[in-house]
N, C-alpha and C. Protein backbone atom coordinates (compact mmCIF):
# COMPACT_ATOMS: atom_id res chain seq x y z
N MET A 1 121.42 142.16 159.69
CA MET A 1 121.09 141.72 158.34
C MET A 1 120.89 142.92 157.43
N ARG A 2 120.29 143.96 157.98
CA ARG A 2 120.03 145.15 157.19
C ARG A 2 121.35 145.79 156.75
N PHE A 3 122.35 145.77 157.63
CA PHE A 3 123.64 146.37 157.31
C PHE A 3 124.38 145.57 156.24
N VAL A 4 124.23 144.26 156.24
CA VAL A 4 124.86 143.42 155.22
C VAL A 4 124.25 143.73 153.86
N PHE A 5 122.93 143.85 153.83
CA PHE A 5 122.25 144.18 152.58
C PHE A 5 122.66 145.56 152.08
N ALA A 6 122.73 146.54 152.99
CA ALA A 6 123.14 147.89 152.60
C ALA A 6 124.58 147.91 152.12
N GLY A 7 125.45 147.13 152.76
CA GLY A 7 126.85 147.06 152.32
C GLY A 7 126.97 146.44 150.94
N ALA A 8 126.20 145.38 150.68
CA ALA A 8 126.22 144.74 149.36
C ALA A 8 125.69 145.69 148.29
N LEU A 9 124.67 146.46 148.64
CA LEU A 9 124.12 147.43 147.69
C LEU A 9 125.15 148.51 147.36
N LEU A 10 125.88 148.97 148.36
CA LEU A 10 126.91 149.98 148.12
C LEU A 10 128.03 149.44 147.24
N LEU A 11 128.39 148.17 147.42
CA LEU A 11 129.42 147.57 146.58
C LEU A 11 128.97 147.49 145.12
N LEU A 12 127.71 147.18 144.92
CA LEU A 12 127.18 147.13 143.55
C LEU A 12 127.18 148.51 142.90
N LEU A 13 126.90 149.53 143.68
CA LEU A 13 126.86 150.88 143.14
C LEU A 13 128.25 151.48 142.95
N ALA A 14 129.26 150.89 143.55
CA ALA A 14 130.62 151.42 143.48
C ALA A 14 131.39 150.94 142.26
N VAL A 15 130.74 150.29 141.32
CA VAL A 15 131.40 149.83 140.10
C VAL A 15 131.84 151.06 139.31
N PRO A 16 133.09 151.10 138.87
CA PRO A 16 133.55 152.29 138.14
C PRO A 16 132.81 152.45 136.81
N ALA A 17 132.58 153.68 136.45
CA ALA A 17 131.88 153.98 135.20
C ALA A 17 132.85 153.81 134.03
N MET A 18 132.34 153.33 132.94
CA MET A 18 133.15 153.15 131.74
C MET A 18 132.95 154.36 130.83
N ALA A 19 134.03 154.95 130.40
CA ALA A 19 133.95 156.10 129.49
C ALA A 19 133.76 155.59 128.07
N ARG A 20 132.94 156.30 127.32
CA ARG A 20 132.78 155.96 125.92
C ARG A 20 134.03 156.40 125.17
N PRO A 21 134.30 155.82 124.01
CA PRO A 21 135.49 156.24 123.24
C PRO A 21 135.48 157.73 122.91
N ARG A 22 134.31 158.29 122.64
CA ARG A 22 134.26 159.72 122.32
C ARG A 22 134.64 160.57 123.53
N ASP A 23 134.35 160.09 124.74
CA ASP A 23 134.77 160.80 125.94
C ASP A 23 136.29 160.77 126.09
N GLU A 24 136.88 159.62 125.77
CA GLU A 24 138.34 159.52 125.80
C GLU A 24 138.97 160.44 124.76
N VAL A 25 138.32 160.58 123.61
CA VAL A 25 138.83 161.49 122.57
C VAL A 25 138.86 162.92 123.10
N MET A 26 137.78 163.34 123.75
CA MET A 26 137.74 164.71 124.26
C MET A 26 138.75 164.92 125.38
N ILE A 27 138.98 163.92 126.21
CA ILE A 27 140.01 164.03 127.25
C ILE A 27 141.38 164.18 126.60
N ASN A 28 141.65 163.36 125.58
CA ASN A 28 142.92 163.46 124.87
C ASN A 28 143.08 164.81 124.19
N LEU A 29 141.97 165.35 123.68
CA LEU A 29 142.02 166.65 123.01
C LEU A 29 142.48 167.74 123.97
N TYR A 30 142.00 167.71 125.20
CA TYR A 30 142.41 168.72 126.16
C TYR A 30 143.88 168.58 126.55
N ARG A 31 144.44 167.39 126.40
CA ARG A 31 145.87 167.21 126.64
C ARG A 31 146.70 167.90 125.55
N CYS A 32 146.11 168.12 124.41
CA CYS A 32 146.83 168.75 123.30
C CYS A 32 146.94 170.27 123.45
N ALA A 33 146.26 170.84 124.40
CA ALA A 33 146.17 172.30 124.51
C ALA A 33 147.53 172.97 124.67
N ALA A 34 148.49 172.31 125.26
CA ALA A 34 149.78 172.95 125.53
C ALA A 34 150.75 172.88 124.36
N GLN A 35 150.37 172.26 123.27
CA GLN A 35 151.26 172.21 122.10
C GLN A 35 151.47 173.63 121.58
N ALA A 36 152.72 173.99 121.33
CA ALA A 36 153.03 175.37 120.94
C ALA A 36 152.63 175.66 119.49
N SER A 37 153.02 174.82 118.58
CA SER A 37 152.76 175.05 117.15
C SER A 37 151.33 174.62 116.80
N THR A 38 150.67 175.41 115.98
CA THR A 38 149.31 175.05 115.57
C THR A 38 149.31 173.80 114.71
N ARG A 39 150.34 173.62 113.89
CA ARG A 39 150.43 172.42 113.05
C ARG A 39 150.59 171.17 113.92
N VAL A 40 151.45 171.24 114.94
CA VAL A 40 151.63 170.12 115.85
C VAL A 40 150.36 169.90 116.66
N TRP A 41 149.69 170.99 117.04
CA TRP A 41 148.43 170.86 117.77
C TRP A 41 147.38 170.14 116.92
N LEU A 42 147.33 170.46 115.62
CA LEU A 42 146.37 169.80 114.74
C LEU A 42 146.69 168.31 114.61
N ASP A 43 147.97 167.96 114.51
CA ASP A 43 148.34 166.54 114.49
C ASP A 43 147.93 165.85 115.79
N CYS A 44 148.10 166.54 116.91
CA CYS A 44 147.69 166.00 118.21
C CYS A 44 146.17 165.84 118.24
N TYR A 45 145.45 166.80 117.66
CA TYR A 45 143.98 166.75 117.58
C TYR A 45 143.54 165.47 116.86
N TYR A 46 144.22 165.17 115.74
CA TYR A 46 143.86 163.96 115.00
C TYR A 46 144.30 162.71 115.74
N GLY A 47 145.43 162.76 116.44
CA GLY A 47 145.87 161.61 117.22
C GLY A 47 144.97 161.34 118.41
N ALA A 48 144.32 162.39 118.92
CA ALA A 48 143.41 162.23 120.05
C ALA A 48 142.19 161.39 119.68
N ALA A 49 141.88 161.30 118.39
CA ALA A 49 140.70 160.55 117.94
C ALA A 49 140.93 159.04 117.87
N GLN A 50 142.11 158.57 118.24
CA GLN A 50 142.42 157.15 118.11
C GLN A 50 141.45 156.24 118.87
N PRO A 51 141.01 156.54 120.08
CA PRO A 51 140.06 155.61 120.74
C PRO A 51 138.76 155.42 119.95
N GLN A 52 138.27 156.47 119.34
CA GLN A 52 137.04 156.35 118.54
C GLN A 52 137.31 155.58 117.26
N ARG A 53 138.46 155.82 116.65
CA ARG A 53 138.81 155.08 115.43
C ARG A 53 138.92 153.58 115.73
N ALA A 54 139.53 153.25 116.86
CA ALA A 54 139.67 151.83 117.23
C ALA A 54 138.31 151.21 117.51
N ALA A 55 137.42 151.95 118.17
CA ALA A 55 136.09 151.42 118.47
C ALA A 55 135.28 151.17 117.20
N LEU A 56 135.52 151.97 116.17
CA LEU A 56 134.79 151.80 114.91
C LEU A 56 135.46 150.81 113.97
N GLY A 57 136.65 150.33 114.32
CA GLY A 57 137.37 149.39 113.47
C GLY A 57 138.03 150.05 112.28
N LEU A 58 138.32 151.34 112.38
CA LEU A 58 138.99 152.05 111.29
C LEU A 58 140.50 151.87 111.40
N THR A 59 141.20 152.22 110.34
CA THR A 59 142.65 152.14 110.39
C THR A 59 143.15 153.09 111.48
N PRO A 60 144.18 152.70 112.19
CA PRO A 60 144.66 153.55 113.28
C PRO A 60 145.27 154.85 112.76
N ALA A 61 145.23 155.85 113.62
CA ALA A 61 145.89 157.11 113.31
C ALA A 61 147.40 156.87 113.28
N PRO A 62 148.15 157.70 112.57
CA PRO A 62 149.60 157.52 112.54
C PRO A 62 150.19 157.54 113.96
N PRO A 63 151.15 156.68 114.23
CA PRO A 63 151.72 156.60 115.58
C PRO A 63 152.28 157.93 116.08
N ALA A 64 152.81 158.75 115.19
CA ALA A 64 153.36 160.04 115.62
C ALA A 64 152.24 160.94 116.16
N GLN A 65 151.07 160.90 115.55
CA GLN A 65 149.94 161.70 116.03
C GLN A 65 149.42 161.18 117.37
N VAL A 66 149.35 159.86 117.50
CA VAL A 66 148.88 159.27 118.75
C VAL A 66 149.85 159.59 119.88
N ALA A 67 151.15 159.58 119.58
CA ALA A 67 152.16 159.88 120.59
C ALA A 67 152.05 161.33 121.06
N LEU A 68 151.67 162.24 120.17
CA LEU A 68 151.50 163.63 120.57
C LEU A 68 150.40 163.78 121.61
N ALA A 69 149.34 163.01 121.47
CA ALA A 69 148.23 163.10 122.42
C ALA A 69 148.56 162.41 123.74
N ALA A 70 149.49 161.44 123.72
CA ALA A 70 149.81 160.68 124.93
C ALA A 70 150.95 161.29 125.74
N ASN A 71 151.87 161.98 125.08
CA ASN A 71 153.06 162.50 125.75
C ASN A 71 152.93 164.00 125.98
N PRO A 72 153.55 164.51 127.04
CA PRO A 72 153.51 165.95 127.25
C PRO A 72 154.31 166.68 126.17
N PRO A 73 153.88 167.86 125.81
CA PRO A 73 154.54 168.59 124.72
C PRO A 73 155.83 169.27 125.18
N ALA A 74 156.58 169.71 124.20
CA ALA A 74 157.77 170.52 124.48
C ALA A 74 157.30 171.89 124.98
N PRO A 75 158.09 172.54 125.83
CA PRO A 75 157.65 173.84 126.34
C PRO A 75 157.59 174.89 125.24
N GLY A 76 156.66 175.78 125.38
CA GLY A 76 156.49 176.85 124.42
C GLY A 76 155.16 177.55 124.64
N VAL A 77 155.00 178.68 123.97
CA VAL A 77 153.77 179.44 124.08
C VAL A 77 152.83 179.02 122.95
N PRO A 78 151.63 178.55 123.28
CA PRO A 78 150.69 178.14 122.23
C PRO A 78 150.33 179.31 121.31
N GLN A 79 150.20 179.01 120.02
CA GLN A 79 149.85 180.00 119.01
C GLN A 79 148.38 179.86 118.63
N ASP A 80 147.84 180.91 118.09
CA ASP A 80 146.49 180.92 117.50
C ASP A 80 145.44 180.36 118.46
N LEU A 81 145.41 180.88 119.66
CA LEU A 81 144.48 180.37 120.68
C LEU A 81 143.02 180.57 120.29
N ALA A 82 142.69 181.65 119.60
CA ALA A 82 141.29 181.88 119.21
C ALA A 82 140.81 180.81 118.24
N VAL A 83 141.68 180.42 117.32
CA VAL A 83 141.30 179.38 116.35
C VAL A 83 141.16 178.04 117.07
N ARG A 84 142.09 177.75 117.95
CA ARG A 84 142.01 176.49 118.70
C ARG A 84 140.74 176.44 119.56
N ASP A 85 140.42 177.56 120.19
CA ASP A 85 139.20 177.60 120.99
C ASP A 85 137.97 177.36 120.12
N ALA A 86 137.96 177.95 118.92
CA ALA A 86 136.82 177.75 118.02
C ALA A 86 136.70 176.28 117.62
N VAL A 87 137.83 175.62 117.40
CA VAL A 87 137.80 174.20 117.04
C VAL A 87 137.28 173.37 118.20
N ILE A 88 137.74 173.65 119.41
CA ILE A 88 137.31 172.87 120.56
C ILE A 88 135.82 173.08 120.85
N VAL A 89 135.34 174.31 120.68
CA VAL A 89 133.92 174.57 120.88
C VAL A 89 133.10 173.81 119.84
N ALA A 90 133.55 173.83 118.59
CA ALA A 90 132.83 173.10 117.54
C ALA A 90 132.86 171.60 117.80
N ALA A 91 133.99 171.08 118.27
CA ALA A 91 134.08 169.65 118.57
C ALA A 91 133.18 169.27 119.74
N SER A 92 133.05 170.16 120.71
CA SER A 92 132.18 169.84 121.85
C SER A 92 130.71 169.86 121.45
N ARG A 93 130.37 170.59 120.40
CA ARG A 93 128.98 170.59 119.91
C ARG A 93 128.62 169.28 119.22
N CYS A 94 129.62 168.50 118.87
CA CYS A 94 129.35 167.21 118.23
C CYS A 94 128.72 166.22 119.22
N GLY A 95 128.71 166.55 120.49
CA GLY A 95 128.12 165.66 121.48
C GLY A 95 126.66 165.38 121.26
N SER A 96 125.97 166.23 120.51
CA SER A 96 124.56 166.01 120.24
C SER A 96 124.33 164.96 119.15
N VAL A 97 125.39 164.53 118.46
CA VAL A 97 125.27 163.50 117.43
C VAL A 97 125.25 162.14 118.13
N ALA A 98 124.21 161.37 117.88
CA ALA A 98 124.02 160.12 118.62
C ALA A 98 124.89 158.98 118.10
N ALA A 99 124.97 158.80 116.80
CA ALA A 99 125.71 157.68 116.23
C ALA A 99 127.21 157.95 116.29
N GLU A 100 127.98 156.89 116.37
CA GLU A 100 129.42 157.03 116.59
C GLU A 100 130.18 157.50 115.35
N ARG A 101 129.90 156.94 114.17
CA ARG A 101 130.65 157.35 112.97
C ARG A 101 130.31 158.79 112.58
N PRO A 102 129.05 159.20 112.57
CA PRO A 102 128.77 160.62 112.31
C PRO A 102 129.40 161.54 113.36
N TRP A 103 129.53 161.07 114.60
CA TRP A 103 130.20 161.89 115.61
C TRP A 103 131.66 162.12 115.21
N LEU A 104 132.33 161.07 114.75
CA LEU A 104 133.73 161.20 114.34
C LEU A 104 133.85 162.13 113.14
N ASP A 105 132.92 162.03 112.20
CA ASP A 105 132.93 162.95 111.05
C ASP A 105 132.76 164.39 111.50
N CYS A 106 131.87 164.61 112.46
CA CYS A 106 131.66 165.95 113.01
C CYS A 106 132.92 166.45 113.71
N TYR A 107 133.58 165.56 114.45
CA TYR A 107 134.82 165.91 115.16
C TYR A 107 135.89 166.35 114.17
N TYR A 108 136.04 165.59 113.08
CA TYR A 108 137.04 165.97 112.07
C TYR A 108 136.67 167.27 111.38
N ALA A 109 135.40 167.47 111.09
CA ALA A 109 134.97 168.71 110.41
C ALA A 109 135.13 169.91 111.33
N ALA A 110 135.12 169.71 112.64
CA ALA A 110 135.28 170.82 113.57
C ALA A 110 136.67 171.45 113.46
N ALA A 111 137.62 170.74 112.91
CA ALA A 111 138.99 171.25 112.77
C ALA A 111 139.17 172.15 111.56
N ASN A 112 138.12 172.42 110.81
CA ASN A 112 138.26 173.22 109.59
C ASN A 112 138.84 174.62 109.82
N PRO A 113 138.53 175.34 110.91
CA PRO A 113 139.18 176.64 111.10
C PRO A 113 140.71 176.53 111.19
N ALA A 114 141.20 175.52 111.89
CA ALA A 114 142.64 175.33 111.99
C ALA A 114 143.22 174.89 110.66
N ARG A 115 142.50 174.07 109.93
CA ARG A 115 142.97 173.61 108.62
C ARG A 115 143.08 174.79 107.64
N SER A 116 142.10 175.67 107.66
CA SER A 116 142.16 176.81 106.75
C SER A 116 143.28 177.77 107.14
N LEU A 117 143.55 177.92 108.44
CA LEU A 117 144.65 178.76 108.89
C LEU A 117 145.99 178.24 108.39
N LEU A 118 146.12 176.91 108.32
CA LEU A 118 147.36 176.29 107.87
C LEU A 118 147.40 176.09 106.36
N GLY A 119 146.35 176.49 105.66
CA GLY A 119 146.32 176.35 104.20
C GLY A 119 145.97 174.96 103.73
N LEU A 120 145.33 174.16 104.57
CA LEU A 120 144.92 172.81 104.20
C LEU A 120 143.49 172.81 103.69
N ALA A 121 143.16 171.82 102.88
CA ALA A 121 141.81 171.71 102.35
C ALA A 121 140.83 171.39 103.48
N PRO A 122 139.62 171.95 103.44
CA PRO A 122 138.66 171.66 104.51
C PRO A 122 138.11 170.25 104.41
N VAL A 123 137.69 169.74 105.55
CA VAL A 123 137.02 168.44 105.63
C VAL A 123 135.54 168.70 105.37
N ALA A 124 134.89 167.81 104.63
CA ALA A 124 133.46 167.98 104.34
C ALA A 124 132.67 167.96 105.63
N VAL A 125 131.78 168.92 105.79
CA VAL A 125 130.94 169.02 106.98
C VAL A 125 129.76 168.08 106.80
N PRO A 126 129.52 167.16 107.75
CA PRO A 126 128.39 166.24 107.60
C PRO A 126 127.06 167.00 107.71
N ALA A 127 126.10 166.56 106.92
CA ALA A 127 124.78 167.17 106.97
C ALA A 127 124.04 166.69 108.22
N PRO A 128 123.24 167.55 108.82
CA PRO A 128 122.48 167.09 109.99
C PRO A 128 121.45 166.06 109.56
N VAL A 129 121.33 165.00 110.33
CA VAL A 129 120.40 163.93 109.99
C VAL A 129 119.16 163.95 110.86
N ALA A 130 119.15 164.73 111.91
CA ALA A 130 118.04 164.68 112.84
C ALA A 130 116.94 165.69 112.51
N LEU A 131 117.19 166.63 111.63
CA LEU A 131 116.20 167.66 111.34
C LEU A 131 115.25 167.22 110.23
N PRO A 132 113.96 167.41 110.39
CA PRO A 132 113.02 167.06 109.33
C PRO A 132 113.10 168.09 108.20
N PRO A 133 112.75 167.70 106.98
CA PRO A 133 112.82 168.64 105.87
C PRO A 133 111.75 169.73 105.94
N ALA A 134 110.64 169.47 106.63
CA ALA A 134 109.56 170.46 106.72
C ALA A 134 109.83 171.42 107.88
N ILE A 135 109.21 172.56 107.84
CA ILE A 135 109.38 173.53 108.91
C ILE A 135 108.26 173.33 109.92
N GLY A 136 108.64 173.18 111.16
CA GLY A 136 107.64 173.04 112.23
C GLY A 136 107.35 171.59 112.56
N TRP A 137 107.07 171.35 113.81
CA TRP A 137 106.83 169.98 114.24
C TRP A 137 105.47 169.49 113.79
N ASN A 138 104.49 170.36 113.59
CA ASN A 138 103.16 169.94 113.18
C ASN A 138 103.18 169.40 111.75
N ALA A 139 104.10 169.93 110.91
CA ALA A 139 104.19 169.45 109.54
C ALA A 139 104.65 168.00 109.50
N THR A 140 105.43 167.57 110.48
CA THR A 140 105.86 166.18 110.50
C THR A 140 104.80 165.27 111.11
N LEU A 141 103.93 165.82 111.96
CA LEU A 141 102.86 165.00 112.52
C LEU A 141 101.75 164.75 111.51
N ASN A 142 101.40 165.77 110.74
CA ASN A 142 100.32 165.67 109.76
C ASN A 142 100.81 166.15 108.39
N PRO A 143 101.63 165.34 107.71
CA PRO A 143 102.12 165.80 106.41
C PRO A 143 101.00 165.89 105.38
N SER A 144 101.16 166.79 104.42
CA SER A 144 100.11 166.99 103.43
C SER A 144 100.23 166.03 102.26
N CYS A 145 101.36 165.36 102.10
CA CYS A 145 101.51 164.39 101.03
C CYS A 145 102.46 163.29 101.49
N GLY A 146 102.49 162.21 100.74
CA GLY A 146 103.36 161.10 101.09
C GLY A 146 102.63 160.04 101.87
N PRO A 147 103.36 159.03 102.35
CA PRO A 147 102.70 157.90 103.02
C PRO A 147 102.07 158.27 104.36
N GLY A 148 102.48 159.37 104.97
CA GLY A 148 101.89 159.75 106.24
C GLY A 148 100.76 160.75 106.12
N ALA A 149 100.34 161.04 104.89
CA ALA A 149 99.31 162.05 104.67
C ALA A 149 97.97 161.59 105.25
N ARG A 150 97.17 162.56 105.65
CA ARG A 150 95.88 162.23 106.24
C ARG A 150 94.84 161.89 105.17
N PHE A 151 94.98 162.44 103.97
CA PHE A 151 94.02 162.20 102.91
C PHE A 151 94.78 161.68 101.69
N HIS A 152 94.38 160.52 101.21
CA HIS A 152 95.03 159.93 100.05
C HIS A 152 94.12 159.96 98.82
N GLU A 153 92.86 160.32 99.01
CA GLU A 153 91.91 160.30 97.90
C GLU A 153 91.74 161.71 97.34
N PRO A 154 91.17 161.82 96.17
CA PRO A 154 90.88 163.16 95.64
C PRO A 154 89.90 163.90 96.54
N TRP A 155 89.82 165.19 96.40
CA TRP A 155 88.99 166.01 97.28
C TRP A 155 87.51 165.68 97.14
N LYS A 156 87.07 165.18 95.98
CA LYS A 156 85.66 164.86 95.81
C LYS A 156 85.27 163.60 96.57
N ALA A 157 86.24 162.76 96.91
CA ALA A 157 85.95 161.50 97.58
C ALA A 157 85.87 161.66 99.09
N THR A 158 86.09 162.84 99.61
CA THR A 158 86.02 163.01 101.05
C THR A 158 84.57 162.96 101.50
N ASN A 159 84.35 162.38 102.63
CA ASN A 159 83.01 162.24 103.16
C ASN A 159 82.72 163.40 104.11
N ILE A 160 82.10 164.42 103.59
CA ILE A 160 81.72 165.55 104.42
C ILE A 160 80.20 165.71 104.34
N PRO A 161 79.60 166.28 105.36
CA PRO A 161 78.15 166.47 105.31
C PRO A 161 77.76 167.40 104.15
N PRO A 162 76.61 167.14 103.52
CA PRO A 162 76.18 167.98 102.39
C PRO A 162 76.02 169.43 102.77
N ARG A 163 75.64 169.72 103.99
CA ARG A 163 75.45 171.09 104.43
C ARG A 163 76.79 171.87 104.31
N GLN A 164 77.93 171.20 104.64
CA GLN A 164 79.22 171.87 104.53
C GLN A 164 79.68 171.96 103.09
N ALA A 165 79.31 170.97 102.28
CA ALA A 165 79.71 170.99 100.87
C ALA A 165 78.95 172.08 100.12
N ALA A 166 77.77 172.48 100.60
CA ALA A 166 76.97 173.49 99.91
C ALA A 166 77.45 174.90 100.25
N GLY A 167 78.46 175.04 101.08
CA GLY A 167 78.98 176.35 101.39
C GLY A 167 78.71 176.79 102.80
N ASN A 168 77.88 176.06 103.53
CA ASN A 168 77.61 176.38 104.90
C ASN A 168 78.62 175.61 105.76
N ALA A 169 79.75 176.21 106.06
CA ALA A 169 80.84 175.51 106.74
C ALA A 169 80.68 175.47 108.25
N VAL A 170 79.69 176.20 108.77
CA VAL A 170 79.51 176.21 110.22
C VAL A 170 78.54 175.09 110.59
N PRO A 171 78.98 174.07 111.30
CA PRO A 171 78.06 172.98 111.68
C PRO A 171 77.09 173.44 112.77
N ARG A 172 75.88 172.84 112.77
CA ARG A 172 74.88 173.19 113.78
C ARG A 172 74.89 172.26 114.93
């Protein structure tokens, strides 16, 4: 009986993992690495984003771009490897973005080095949404103003002992 239970448990654990659309995008991106021309590589880069675009319900990428990511490239020596590496590193840093649409915006903005090399206009870089406007974590725990402030009344309305209000700040 113990072996039947263990076998059933192993079958439950053997369910294949489902990749998120952004994971499929990154897999497709690595397939683009062998494209010789930087312009064709950039089209492949945009075609690689099709799984994420479909998951978000956006218009599909042009079929020619999607085909570049799905089919092996023509033989040739890749150009501008340093720029491509910079784009891929920037795209991999987008993994820290939790929401799906901002992740796609970050992915597109990561291609700006390749776009500038080709003379194309840059994509707007999304602003970080996770960072607080104040410096330091303590400022967000105890803000000095606003709805989270610790004191909402004027300084005269604070209830402090008279001994401290008279200038003797050291309590006994």
